[in-house]
N, C-alpha and C. Protein backbone atom coordinates (compact mmCIF):
# COMPACT_ATOMS: atom_id res chain seq x y z
N UNK A 1 -12.20 -26.97 75.99
CA UNK A 1 -12.24 -25.93 76.99
C UNK A 1 -12.63 -26.55 78.33
N UNK A 2 -12.09 -26.01 79.38
CA UNK A 2 -12.39 -26.56 80.70
C UNK A 2 -12.43 -25.44 81.73
N UNK A 3 -13.33 -25.61 82.70
CA UNK A 3 -13.46 -24.62 83.77
C UNK A 3 -13.93 -25.33 85.04
N UNK A 4 -13.13 -25.21 86.10
CA UNK A 4 -13.46 -25.79 87.40
C UNK A 4 -13.80 -27.29 87.31
N UNK A 5 -12.94 -28.03 86.62
CA UNK A 5 -13.14 -29.46 86.49
C UNK A 5 -11.92 -30.23 87.02
N UNK A 6 -11.35 -29.70 88.10
CA UNK A 6 -10.15 -30.31 88.68
C UNK A 6 -10.36 -31.76 89.09
N UNK A 7 -11.59 -32.11 89.47
CA UNK A 7 -11.88 -33.48 89.90
C UNK A 7 -11.79 -34.48 88.74
N UNK A 8 -11.96 -33.98 87.54
CA UNK A 8 -12.11 -34.88 86.39
C UNK A 8 -11.02 -34.75 85.33
N UNK A 9 -10.32 -33.63 85.29
CA UNK A 9 -9.46 -33.31 84.15
C UNK A 9 -8.32 -34.31 83.97
N UNK A 10 -7.84 -34.89 85.06
CA UNK A 10 -6.72 -35.82 84.92
C UNK A 10 -7.13 -37.08 84.16
N UNK A 11 -8.38 -37.52 84.34
CA UNK A 11 -8.88 -38.67 83.57
C UNK A 11 -8.86 -38.35 82.07
N UNK A 12 -9.25 -37.13 81.73
CA UNK A 12 -9.24 -36.71 80.32
C UNK A 12 -7.80 -36.71 79.79
N UNK A 13 -6.89 -36.12 80.54
CA UNK A 13 -5.49 -36.04 80.11
C UNK A 13 -4.89 -37.42 79.89
N UNK A 14 -5.14 -38.34 80.82
CA UNK A 14 -4.57 -39.68 80.69
C UNK A 14 -5.20 -40.42 79.51
N UNK A 15 -6.48 -40.16 79.23
CA UNK A 15 -7.11 -40.83 78.09
C UNK A 15 -6.55 -40.31 76.77
N UNK A 16 -6.03 -39.07 76.77
CA UNK A 16 -5.35 -38.55 75.58
C UNK A 16 -3.97 -39.20 75.43
N UNK A 17 -3.26 -39.27 76.53
CA UNK A 17 -1.87 -39.73 76.51
C UNK A 17 -1.74 -41.18 76.08
N UNK A 18 -2.77 -41.99 76.26
CA UNK A 18 -2.68 -43.41 75.90
C UNK A 18 -3.17 -43.69 74.48
N UNK A 19 -3.59 -42.66 73.76
CA UNK A 19 -4.06 -42.89 72.39
C UNK A 19 -2.93 -43.42 71.51
N UNK A 20 -3.20 -44.50 70.80
CA UNK A 20 -2.21 -45.12 69.90
C UNK A 20 -2.57 -44.74 68.47
N UNK A 21 -1.75 -43.90 67.88
CA UNK A 21 -2.01 -43.43 66.51
C UNK A 21 -0.75 -43.54 65.67
N UNK A 22 -0.93 -43.63 64.36
CA UNK A 22 0.22 -43.61 63.45
C UNK A 22 0.42 -42.21 62.88
N UNK A 23 -0.12 -41.21 63.56
CA UNK A 23 0.00 -39.80 63.18
C UNK A 23 0.11 -38.98 64.47
N UNK A 24 0.72 -37.81 64.40
CA UNK A 24 0.82 -36.97 65.60
C UNK A 24 -0.52 -36.29 65.91
N UNK A 25 -0.79 -36.09 67.19
CA UNK A 25 -2.02 -35.45 67.64
C UNK A 25 -1.64 -34.32 68.60
N UNK A 26 -2.21 -33.14 68.38
CA UNK A 26 -2.04 -32.03 69.32
C UNK A 26 -3.32 -31.92 70.14
N UNK A 27 -3.17 -32.01 71.45
CA UNK A 27 -4.30 -31.88 72.37
C UNK A 27 -4.29 -30.47 72.96
N UNK A 28 -5.38 -29.74 72.76
CA UNK A 28 -5.50 -28.39 73.29
C UNK A 28 -6.31 -28.44 74.57
N UNK A 29 -5.73 -28.01 75.66
CA UNK A 29 -6.44 -27.89 76.92
C UNK A 29 -6.42 -26.41 77.29
N UNK A 30 -7.59 -25.78 77.24
CA UNK A 30 -7.68 -24.35 77.52
C UNK A 30 -8.47 -24.18 78.80
N UNK A 31 -7.77 -23.86 79.88
CA UNK A 31 -8.42 -23.65 81.18
C UNK A 31 -8.84 -22.19 81.29
N UNK A 32 -10.14 -21.98 81.45
CA UNK A 32 -10.71 -20.63 81.44
C UNK A 32 -10.67 -20.00 82.84
N UNK A 33 -9.44 -19.85 83.38
CA UNK A 33 -9.21 -19.23 84.69
C UNK A 33 -10.00 -19.91 85.80
N UNK A 34 -9.82 -21.22 85.91
CA UNK A 34 -10.50 -21.98 86.96
C UNK A 34 -10.12 -21.47 88.34
N UNK A 35 -11.03 -21.69 89.29
CA UNK A 35 -10.79 -21.25 90.66
C UNK A 35 -10.76 -22.43 91.64
N UNK A 36 -10.76 -23.65 91.13
CA UNK A 36 -10.83 -24.84 91.98
C UNK A 36 -9.51 -25.60 92.07
N UNK A 37 -8.40 -24.96 91.65
CA UNK A 37 -7.10 -25.62 91.68
C UNK A 37 -6.74 -26.34 90.40
N UNK A 38 -7.57 -26.20 89.38
CA UNK A 38 -7.30 -26.88 88.11
C UNK A 38 -6.03 -26.35 87.44
N UNK A 39 -5.78 -25.04 87.55
CA UNK A 39 -4.55 -24.46 87.00
C UNK A 39 -3.33 -25.19 87.54
N UNK A 40 -3.28 -25.34 88.86
CA UNK A 40 -2.13 -25.98 89.51
C UNK A 40 -2.02 -27.44 89.10
N UNK A 41 -3.17 -28.11 89.01
CA UNK A 41 -3.17 -29.52 88.61
C UNK A 41 -2.61 -29.68 87.20
N UNK A 42 -3.06 -28.82 86.28
CA UNK A 42 -2.58 -28.89 84.90
C UNK A 42 -1.08 -28.59 84.82
N UNK A 43 -0.66 -27.61 85.58
CA UNK A 43 0.76 -27.25 85.61
C UNK A 43 1.61 -28.42 86.12
N UNK A 44 1.16 -29.06 87.20
CA UNK A 44 1.88 -30.20 87.76
C UNK A 44 1.86 -31.39 86.82
N UNK A 45 0.72 -31.60 86.16
CA UNK A 45 0.62 -32.72 85.22
C UNK A 45 1.64 -32.53 84.09
N UNK A 46 1.72 -31.32 83.57
CA UNK A 46 2.68 -31.02 82.50
C UNK A 46 4.11 -31.26 82.98
N UNK A 47 4.42 -30.83 84.19
CA UNK A 47 5.77 -31.04 84.75
C UNK A 47 6.13 -32.52 84.81
N UNK A 48 5.15 -33.35 85.11
CA UNK A 48 5.39 -34.78 85.31
C UNK A 48 5.26 -35.63 84.05
N UNK A 49 4.62 -35.09 83.01
CA UNK A 49 4.33 -35.94 81.85
C UNK A 49 4.85 -35.43 80.51
N UNK A 50 5.34 -34.21 80.45
CA UNK A 50 5.83 -33.70 79.16
C UNK A 50 7.35 -33.65 79.14
N UNK A 51 7.92 -33.88 77.96
CA UNK A 51 9.38 -33.83 77.79
C UNK A 51 9.82 -32.37 77.83
N UNK A 52 10.49 -31.97 78.88
CA UNK A 52 10.90 -30.57 79.01
C UNK A 52 12.33 -30.32 78.53
N UNK A 53 12.99 -31.37 78.07
CA UNK A 53 14.39 -31.23 77.67
C UNK A 53 14.57 -31.22 76.15
N UNK A 54 13.54 -30.78 75.42
CA UNK A 54 13.63 -30.71 73.97
C UNK A 54 13.48 -29.26 73.51
N UNK A 55 13.96 -28.99 72.30
CA UNK A 55 13.90 -27.63 71.75
C UNK A 55 12.47 -27.15 71.55
N UNK A 56 11.53 -28.10 71.32
CA UNK A 56 10.16 -27.69 71.01
C UNK A 56 9.33 -27.43 72.28
N UNK A 57 9.86 -27.73 73.44
CA UNK A 57 9.11 -27.53 74.69
C UNK A 57 9.01 -26.04 75.02
N UNK A 58 7.81 -25.61 75.40
CA UNK A 58 7.58 -24.22 75.79
C UNK A 58 6.88 -24.17 77.14
N UNK A 59 7.28 -23.24 77.96
CA UNK A 59 6.58 -22.96 79.21
C UNK A 59 6.80 -21.48 79.47
N UNK A 60 5.86 -20.68 78.98
CA UNK A 60 6.11 -19.23 79.05
C UNK A 60 4.82 -18.44 79.23
N UNK A 61 5.00 -17.25 79.75
CA UNK A 61 3.89 -16.33 79.94
C UNK A 61 3.52 -15.71 78.59
N UNK A 62 2.21 -15.63 78.35
CA UNK A 62 1.67 -15.03 77.14
C UNK A 62 0.73 -13.89 77.55
N UNK A 63 0.33 -13.04 76.61
CA UNK A 63 -0.58 -11.94 76.98
C UNK A 63 -1.88 -12.44 77.62
N UNK A 64 -2.33 -13.64 77.27
CA UNK A 64 -3.58 -14.17 77.80
C UNK A 64 -3.39 -15.01 79.06
N UNK A 65 -2.16 -15.35 79.41
CA UNK A 65 -1.91 -16.22 80.56
C UNK A 65 -0.63 -17.00 80.36
N UNK A 66 -0.70 -18.32 80.53
CA UNK A 66 0.49 -19.16 80.42
C UNK A 66 0.28 -20.23 79.37
N UNK A 67 1.32 -20.52 78.59
CA UNK A 67 1.30 -21.59 77.59
C UNK A 67 2.34 -22.64 77.96
N UNK A 68 1.90 -23.89 78.02
CA UNK A 68 2.81 -25.01 78.19
C UNK A 68 2.62 -25.92 76.97
N UNK A 69 3.70 -26.22 76.28
CA UNK A 69 3.61 -26.98 75.03
C UNK A 69 4.74 -28.01 75.01
N UNK A 70 4.40 -29.27 74.74
CA UNK A 70 5.44 -30.29 74.65
C UNK A 70 4.86 -31.66 74.38
N UNK A 71 5.77 -32.59 74.06
CA UNK A 71 5.37 -33.98 73.79
C UNK A 71 5.27 -34.77 75.09
N UNK A 72 4.38 -35.75 75.08
CA UNK A 72 4.28 -36.65 76.21
C UNK A 72 5.57 -37.46 76.31
N UNK A 73 6.05 -37.70 77.51
CA UNK A 73 7.35 -38.33 77.68
C UNK A 73 7.37 -39.79 77.22
N UNK A 74 6.22 -40.46 77.16
CA UNK A 74 6.18 -41.85 76.69
C UNK A 74 5.61 -41.96 75.29
N UNK A 75 4.55 -41.19 75.01
CA UNK A 75 3.85 -41.28 73.74
C UNK A 75 4.24 -40.06 72.89
N UNK A 76 5.23 -40.21 72.04
CA UNK A 76 5.76 -39.07 71.30
C UNK A 76 4.83 -38.56 70.21
N UNK A 77 3.77 -39.33 69.90
CA UNK A 77 2.76 -38.84 68.96
C UNK A 77 1.73 -37.96 69.65
N UNK A 78 1.79 -37.87 70.97
CA UNK A 78 0.86 -37.04 71.74
C UNK A 78 1.55 -35.75 72.16
N UNK A 79 1.07 -34.64 71.61
CA UNK A 79 1.62 -33.31 71.88
C UNK A 79 0.54 -32.51 72.62
N UNK A 80 0.93 -31.85 73.69
CA UNK A 80 -0.03 -31.11 74.50
C UNK A 80 0.25 -29.61 74.44
N UNK A 81 -0.80 -28.84 74.19
CA UNK A 81 -0.75 -27.39 74.28
C UNK A 81 -1.73 -26.99 75.38
N UNK A 82 -1.19 -26.66 76.54
CA UNK A 82 -2.02 -26.34 77.70
C UNK A 82 -1.99 -24.83 77.90
N UNK A 83 -3.16 -24.21 77.81
CA UNK A 83 -3.27 -22.77 77.98
C UNK A 83 -3.98 -22.49 79.29
N UNK A 84 -3.32 -21.77 80.17
CA UNK A 84 -3.89 -21.40 81.46
C UNK A 84 -4.24 -19.92 81.41
N UNK A 85 -5.50 -19.62 81.12
CA UNK A 85 -5.93 -18.23 80.95
C UNK A 85 -5.94 -17.51 82.29
N UNK A 86 -5.47 -16.27 82.30
CA UNK A 86 -5.40 -15.49 83.54
C UNK A 86 -6.73 -14.85 83.89
N UNK A 87 -7.61 -14.67 82.89
CA UNK A 87 -8.95 -14.13 83.13
C UNK A 87 -9.98 -15.00 82.43
N UNK A 88 -11.14 -15.15 83.05
CA UNK A 88 -12.19 -15.98 82.48
C UNK A 88 -12.77 -15.32 81.23
N UNK A 89 -12.55 -15.95 80.09
CA UNK A 89 -12.99 -15.37 78.82
C UNK A 89 -14.49 -15.51 78.59
N UNK A 90 -15.07 -16.58 79.11
CA UNK A 90 -16.51 -16.77 78.95
C UNK A 90 -17.26 -15.66 79.67
N UNK A 91 -16.88 -15.38 80.91
CA UNK A 91 -17.58 -14.38 81.72
C UNK A 91 -17.35 -12.95 81.22
N UNK A 92 -16.23 -12.71 80.56
CA UNK A 92 -15.93 -11.36 80.08
C UNK A 92 -16.29 -11.16 78.60
N UNK A 93 -16.96 -12.15 78.01
CA UNK A 93 -17.41 -12.02 76.63
C UNK A 93 -16.31 -12.12 75.58
N UNK A 94 -15.18 -12.75 75.96
CA UNK A 94 -14.06 -12.88 75.01
C UNK A 94 -13.85 -14.32 74.58
N UNK A 95 -14.90 -15.11 74.63
CA UNK A 95 -14.79 -16.55 74.37
C UNK A 95 -14.17 -16.87 73.01
N UNK A 96 -14.52 -16.08 71.99
CA UNK A 96 -14.03 -16.36 70.63
C UNK A 96 -12.53 -16.18 70.50
N UNK A 97 -11.92 -15.43 71.41
CA UNK A 97 -10.47 -15.23 71.35
C UNK A 97 -9.70 -16.54 71.59
N UNK A 98 -10.32 -17.49 72.26
CA UNK A 98 -9.65 -18.76 72.55
C UNK A 98 -9.17 -19.43 71.27
N UNK A 99 -9.97 -19.35 70.21
CA UNK A 99 -9.58 -19.96 68.94
C UNK A 99 -8.34 -19.28 68.36
N UNK A 100 -8.20 -17.98 68.58
CA UNK A 100 -7.02 -17.27 68.08
C UNK A 100 -5.75 -17.76 68.79
N UNK A 101 -5.87 -18.11 70.05
CA UNK A 101 -4.69 -18.54 70.82
C UNK A 101 -4.13 -19.87 70.31
N UNK A 102 -5.00 -20.71 69.77
CA UNK A 102 -4.54 -22.03 69.30
C UNK A 102 -4.48 -22.13 67.78
N UNK A 103 -4.73 -21.01 67.10
CA UNK A 103 -4.86 -21.02 65.64
C UNK A 103 -3.64 -21.57 64.92
N UNK A 104 -2.43 -21.29 65.41
CA UNK A 104 -1.23 -21.74 64.69
C UNK A 104 -1.16 -23.25 64.57
N UNK A 105 -1.72 -23.98 65.53
CA UNK A 105 -1.75 -25.44 65.44
C UNK A 105 -3.07 -25.93 64.86
N UNK A 106 -4.14 -25.32 65.30
CA UNK A 106 -5.48 -25.76 64.91
C UNK A 106 -5.67 -25.69 63.40
N UNK A 107 -5.24 -24.61 62.78
CA UNK A 107 -5.46 -24.42 61.35
C UNK A 107 -4.73 -25.45 60.50
N UNK A 108 -3.69 -26.08 61.05
CA UNK A 108 -2.94 -27.11 60.32
C UNK A 108 -3.55 -28.49 60.48
N UNK A 109 -4.53 -28.62 61.36
CA UNK A 109 -5.11 -29.93 61.67
C UNK A 109 -6.07 -30.37 60.58
N UNK A 110 -5.97 -31.65 60.21
CA UNK A 110 -6.89 -32.21 59.22
C UNK A 110 -8.22 -32.58 59.87
N UNK A 111 -8.14 -33.11 61.08
CA UNK A 111 -9.33 -33.53 61.82
C UNK A 111 -9.35 -32.89 63.20
N UNK A 112 -10.56 -32.77 63.75
CA UNK A 112 -10.73 -32.24 65.10
C UNK A 112 -11.61 -33.21 65.88
N UNK A 113 -11.16 -33.61 67.07
CA UNK A 113 -11.97 -34.42 67.97
C UNK A 113 -12.26 -33.57 69.20
N UNK A 114 -13.40 -33.82 69.82
CA UNK A 114 -13.82 -33.02 70.96
C UNK A 114 -13.89 -33.88 72.22
N UNK A 115 -13.38 -33.34 73.31
CA UNK A 115 -13.53 -34.00 74.61
C UNK A 115 -13.52 -32.91 75.68
N UNK A 116 -14.63 -32.77 76.39
CA UNK A 116 -14.70 -31.74 77.42
C UNK A 116 -13.96 -32.20 78.67
N UNK A 117 -13.66 -31.26 79.56
CA UNK A 117 -12.80 -31.53 80.70
C UNK A 117 -13.33 -32.53 81.70
N UNK A 118 -14.64 -32.76 81.69
CA UNK A 118 -15.20 -33.75 82.62
C UNK A 118 -15.55 -35.05 81.91
N UNK A 119 -15.02 -35.24 80.71
CA UNK A 119 -15.19 -36.47 79.96
C UNK A 119 -13.84 -37.13 79.73
N UNK A 120 -13.85 -38.38 79.28
CA UNK A 120 -12.61 -39.06 78.92
C UNK A 120 -12.92 -40.19 77.94
N UNK A 121 -11.88 -40.64 77.26
CA UNK A 121 -12.01 -41.71 76.27
C UNK A 121 -11.52 -43.02 76.89
N UNK A 122 -12.18 -44.12 76.56
CA UNK A 122 -11.79 -45.41 77.17
C UNK A 122 -11.09 -46.35 76.20
N UNK A 123 -11.13 -46.04 74.92
CA UNK A 123 -10.48 -46.90 73.92
C UNK A 123 -9.20 -46.23 73.44
N UNK A 124 -8.04 -46.85 73.66
CA UNK A 124 -6.79 -46.23 73.20
C UNK A 124 -6.66 -46.13 71.68
N UNK A 125 -7.55 -46.82 70.96
CA UNK A 125 -7.53 -46.74 69.49
C UNK A 125 -8.66 -45.86 68.95
N UNK A 126 -9.32 -45.13 69.83
CA UNK A 126 -10.46 -44.29 69.42
C UNK A 126 -10.13 -43.38 68.24
N UNK A 127 -9.08 -42.58 68.37
CA UNK A 127 -8.74 -41.62 67.32
C UNK A 127 -8.30 -42.32 66.05
N UNK A 128 -7.49 -43.38 66.20
CA UNK A 128 -7.02 -44.11 65.02
C UNK A 128 -8.20 -44.70 64.24
N UNK A 129 -9.16 -45.29 64.95
CA UNK A 129 -10.33 -45.87 64.29
C UNK A 129 -11.15 -44.81 63.57
N UNK A 130 -11.34 -43.66 64.22
CA UNK A 130 -12.15 -42.62 63.60
C UNK A 130 -11.46 -42.00 62.38
N UNK A 131 -10.17 -41.77 62.48
CA UNK A 131 -9.44 -41.21 61.34
C UNK A 131 -9.42 -42.22 60.19
N UNK A 132 -9.22 -43.48 60.49
CA UNK A 132 -9.27 -44.50 59.44
C UNK A 132 -10.63 -44.51 58.75
N UNK A 133 -11.70 -44.41 59.54
CA UNK A 133 -13.04 -44.40 58.97
C UNK A 133 -13.24 -43.18 58.07
N UNK A 134 -12.78 -42.02 58.53
CA UNK A 134 -12.94 -40.80 57.73
C UNK A 134 -12.11 -40.87 56.45
N UNK A 135 -10.94 -41.47 56.54
CA UNK A 135 -10.11 -41.62 55.34
C UNK A 135 -10.75 -42.57 54.34
N UNK A 136 -11.51 -43.54 54.83
CA UNK A 136 -12.18 -44.51 53.95
C UNK A 136 -13.45 -43.96 53.34
N UNK A 137 -14.04 -42.94 53.96
CA UNK A 137 -15.28 -42.35 53.47
C UNK A 137 -15.06 -40.86 53.23
N UNK A 138 -14.50 -40.53 52.08
CA UNK A 138 -14.11 -39.14 51.81
C UNK A 138 -15.31 -38.21 51.66
N UNK A 139 -16.52 -38.77 51.48
CA UNK A 139 -17.72 -37.94 51.33
C UNK A 139 -18.35 -37.55 52.67
N UNK A 140 -17.80 -38.07 53.77
CA UNK A 140 -18.35 -37.76 55.09
C UNK A 140 -17.51 -36.68 55.76
N UNK A 141 -18.16 -35.84 56.55
CA UNK A 141 -17.46 -34.75 57.23
C UNK A 141 -17.38 -34.91 58.74
N UNK A 142 -18.18 -35.82 59.29
CA UNK A 142 -18.24 -35.96 60.74
C UNK A 142 -18.54 -37.41 61.10
N UNK A 143 -17.96 -37.87 62.19
CA UNK A 143 -18.28 -39.21 62.67
C UNK A 143 -18.31 -39.22 64.19
N UNK A 144 -18.97 -40.23 64.73
CA UNK A 144 -19.10 -40.37 66.18
C UNK A 144 -19.20 -41.86 66.50
N UNK A 145 -19.18 -42.18 67.78
CA UNK A 145 -19.25 -43.57 68.21
C UNK A 145 -20.12 -43.69 69.46
N UNK A 146 -20.40 -44.91 69.85
CA UNK A 146 -21.17 -45.15 71.07
C UNK A 146 -20.40 -44.62 72.27
N UNK A 147 -21.14 -44.27 73.32
CA UNK A 147 -20.48 -43.78 74.54
C UNK A 147 -21.30 -44.17 75.76
N UNK A 148 -20.62 -44.19 76.90
CA UNK A 148 -21.23 -44.55 78.16
C UNK A 148 -21.35 -43.30 79.02
N UNK A 149 -22.50 -43.10 79.63
CA UNK A 149 -22.69 -41.99 80.56
C UNK A 149 -22.56 -42.55 81.98
N UNK A 150 -21.65 -41.96 82.77
CA UNK A 150 -21.36 -42.45 84.11
C UNK A 150 -21.64 -41.36 85.13
N UNK A 151 -22.25 -41.73 86.24
CA UNK A 151 -22.51 -40.78 87.33
C UNK A 151 -21.18 -40.38 87.96
N UNK A 152 -20.93 -39.08 88.07
CA UNK A 152 -19.64 -38.58 88.57
C UNK A 152 -19.43 -38.91 90.05
N UNK A 153 -20.49 -39.08 90.80
CA UNK A 153 -20.38 -39.34 92.24
C UNK A 153 -20.28 -40.84 92.53
N UNK A 154 -21.24 -41.60 91.99
CA UNK A 154 -21.30 -43.03 92.30
C UNK A 154 -20.43 -43.87 91.36
N UNK A 155 -20.04 -43.29 90.23
CA UNK A 155 -19.27 -43.99 89.19
C UNK A 155 -20.04 -45.15 88.56
N UNK A 156 -21.35 -45.13 88.71
CA UNK A 156 -22.19 -46.16 88.11
C UNK A 156 -22.66 -45.73 86.73
N UNK A 157 -22.83 -46.72 85.87
CA UNK A 157 -23.30 -46.46 84.52
C UNK A 157 -24.75 -46.01 84.54
N UNK A 158 -25.02 -44.88 83.90
CA UNK A 158 -26.38 -44.35 83.83
C UNK A 158 -27.05 -44.81 82.54
N UNK A 159 -26.33 -44.69 81.44
CA UNK A 159 -26.90 -45.06 80.14
C UNK A 159 -25.79 -45.25 79.11
N UNK A 160 -26.19 -45.81 77.99
CA UNK A 160 -25.29 -45.94 76.83
C UNK A 160 -25.97 -45.23 75.66
N UNK A 161 -25.22 -44.38 74.99
CA UNK A 161 -25.73 -43.74 73.77
C UNK A 161 -25.12 -44.49 72.60
N UNK A 162 -25.95 -45.25 71.91
CA UNK A 162 -25.48 -46.09 70.80
C UNK A 162 -26.56 -46.10 69.73
N UNK A 163 -26.30 -45.45 68.62
CA UNK A 163 -27.30 -45.30 67.56
C UNK A 163 -27.31 -46.45 66.57
N UNK A 164 -26.29 -47.31 66.61
CA UNK A 164 -26.25 -48.47 65.72
C UNK A 164 -25.35 -49.51 66.37
N UNK A 165 -25.53 -50.77 66.00
CA UNK A 165 -24.71 -51.84 66.58
C UNK A 165 -23.50 -52.15 65.71
N UNK A 166 -23.43 -51.53 64.55
CA UNK A 166 -22.25 -51.68 63.69
C UNK A 166 -22.07 -50.38 62.92
N UNK A 167 -21.01 -50.30 62.13
CA UNK A 167 -20.73 -49.08 61.38
C UNK A 167 -21.91 -48.72 60.49
N UNK A 168 -22.32 -47.45 60.54
CA UNK A 168 -23.49 -47.02 59.78
C UNK A 168 -23.34 -45.56 59.37
N UNK A 169 -23.79 -45.23 58.18
CA UNK A 169 -23.83 -43.85 57.72
C UNK A 169 -25.26 -43.34 57.93
N UNK A 170 -25.38 -42.25 58.71
CA UNK A 170 -26.69 -41.67 58.98
C UNK A 170 -26.94 -40.50 58.04
N UNK A 171 -28.18 -40.33 57.66
CA UNK A 171 -28.55 -39.17 56.85
C UNK A 171 -28.65 -37.95 57.75
N UNK A 172 -28.60 -36.77 57.14
CA UNK A 172 -28.77 -35.53 57.89
C UNK A 172 -30.14 -35.53 58.58
N UNK A 173 -31.16 -36.02 57.90
CA UNK A 173 -32.50 -36.08 58.49
C UNK A 173 -32.51 -36.92 59.77
N UNK A 174 -31.85 -38.08 59.73
CA UNK A 174 -31.81 -38.95 60.91
C UNK A 174 -31.12 -38.26 62.09
N UNK A 175 -30.05 -37.54 61.80
CA UNK A 175 -29.33 -36.85 62.86
C UNK A 175 -30.20 -35.75 63.47
N UNK A 176 -30.86 -34.97 62.63
CA UNK A 176 -31.71 -33.88 63.13
C UNK A 176 -32.89 -34.45 63.92
N UNK A 177 -33.54 -35.47 63.40
CA UNK A 177 -34.69 -36.07 64.09
C UNK A 177 -34.27 -36.78 65.38
N UNK A 178 -32.99 -37.12 65.49
CA UNK A 178 -32.49 -37.77 66.69
C UNK A 178 -32.37 -36.83 67.87
N UNK A 179 -32.46 -35.53 67.63
CA UNK A 179 -32.42 -34.55 68.72
C UNK A 179 -31.00 -34.19 69.11
N UNK A 180 -30.90 -33.27 70.08
CA UNK A 180 -29.60 -32.74 70.49
C UNK A 180 -28.69 -33.76 71.12
N UNK A 181 -29.23 -34.85 71.65
CA UNK A 181 -28.39 -35.88 72.27
C UNK A 181 -28.18 -37.07 71.37
N UNK A 182 -28.20 -36.85 70.06
CA UNK A 182 -28.04 -37.97 69.12
C UNK A 182 -26.75 -38.73 69.37
N UNK A 183 -25.66 -37.99 69.63
CA UNK A 183 -24.38 -38.58 70.03
C UNK A 183 -23.80 -37.73 71.15
N UNK A 184 -22.90 -38.29 71.93
CA UNK A 184 -22.22 -37.51 72.96
C UNK A 184 -21.13 -36.66 72.33
N UNK A 185 -20.94 -35.47 72.86
CA UNK A 185 -19.94 -34.54 72.33
C UNK A 185 -18.55 -35.17 72.29
N UNK A 186 -18.19 -35.93 73.32
CA UNK A 186 -16.83 -36.48 73.38
C UNK A 186 -16.61 -37.64 72.42
N UNK A 187 -17.62 -37.98 71.63
CA UNK A 187 -17.44 -39.03 70.62
C UNK A 187 -17.25 -38.46 69.22
N UNK A 188 -17.33 -37.14 69.09
CA UNK A 188 -17.33 -36.51 67.76
C UNK A 188 -15.92 -36.27 67.23
N UNK A 189 -15.73 -36.56 65.95
CA UNK A 189 -14.53 -36.18 65.20
C UNK A 189 -15.01 -35.64 63.86
N UNK A 190 -14.47 -34.50 63.41
CA UNK A 190 -14.91 -33.94 62.14
C UNK A 190 -13.73 -33.39 61.35
N UNK A 191 -13.95 -33.23 60.05
CA UNK A 191 -12.93 -32.63 59.19
C UNK A 191 -12.83 -31.14 59.52
N UNK A 192 -11.62 -30.68 59.72
CA UNK A 192 -11.42 -29.30 60.15
C UNK A 192 -11.95 -28.29 59.14
N UNK A 193 -11.79 -28.55 57.87
CA UNK A 193 -12.18 -27.58 56.84
C UNK A 193 -13.60 -27.80 56.33
N UNK A 194 -14.35 -28.70 56.97
CA UNK A 194 -15.69 -29.02 56.49
C UNK A 194 -16.70 -27.95 56.90
N UNK A 195 -17.77 -27.78 56.12
CA UNK A 195 -18.80 -26.79 56.45
C UNK A 195 -19.44 -27.05 57.81
N UNK A 196 -19.41 -28.28 58.29
CA UNK A 196 -20.03 -28.61 59.57
C UNK A 196 -19.48 -27.75 60.69
N UNK A 197 -18.22 -27.34 60.59
CA UNK A 197 -17.65 -26.58 61.70
C UNK A 197 -18.31 -25.23 61.88
N UNK A 198 -18.68 -24.57 60.79
CA UNK A 198 -19.37 -23.29 60.92
C UNK A 198 -20.68 -23.45 61.66
N UNK A 199 -21.35 -24.57 61.41
CA UNK A 199 -22.60 -24.85 62.10
C UNK A 199 -22.32 -25.07 63.59
N UNK A 200 -21.32 -25.88 63.89
CA UNK A 200 -20.99 -26.18 65.29
C UNK A 200 -20.56 -24.93 66.04
N UNK A 201 -19.72 -24.12 65.42
CA UNK A 201 -19.19 -22.91 66.05
C UNK A 201 -20.29 -21.92 66.39
N UNK A 202 -21.31 -21.86 65.54
CA UNK A 202 -22.40 -20.90 65.73
C UNK A 202 -23.53 -21.43 66.60
């Protein structure tokens, strides 16, 4: 979900488009009726980066706003579903409806990764590495990685969130005792059907 993050959203989009995976990925960008020009930026980005000459491409008005759906013109494993909401759902108490708008794709997903509109990924193999790790550890429901916190104005590194120097399985106790900032949100990937999602959603 994104709101009034026009200064940052293109970095997020480009970090999605460069992901190298051996599986298709659908990226959901839901703009909650931004007022800073983010709608126009997303619309223009889609015009310049999505294949509009295929049968699966969509650009149409929906009851909630506008839906743009299509594959990236270079990275065919990267599929974008960009929803431009006409009214702010957070402010009007309709936030939960956002999940209904993406349900047809979301419910088919095996894994879910999170990246907010003012964040971005720096490793083009991020998703591939995380999915490989989850496939190797079938008893785990969630994984995360180290991340860098950067000042949005100065672009200087503020801190690094790194809970281990190599691959490690943490206990639930360790995660809880680590506090709310145990890992950065944009480093999380979890199994879509895992019980962890009910906890996260609530």
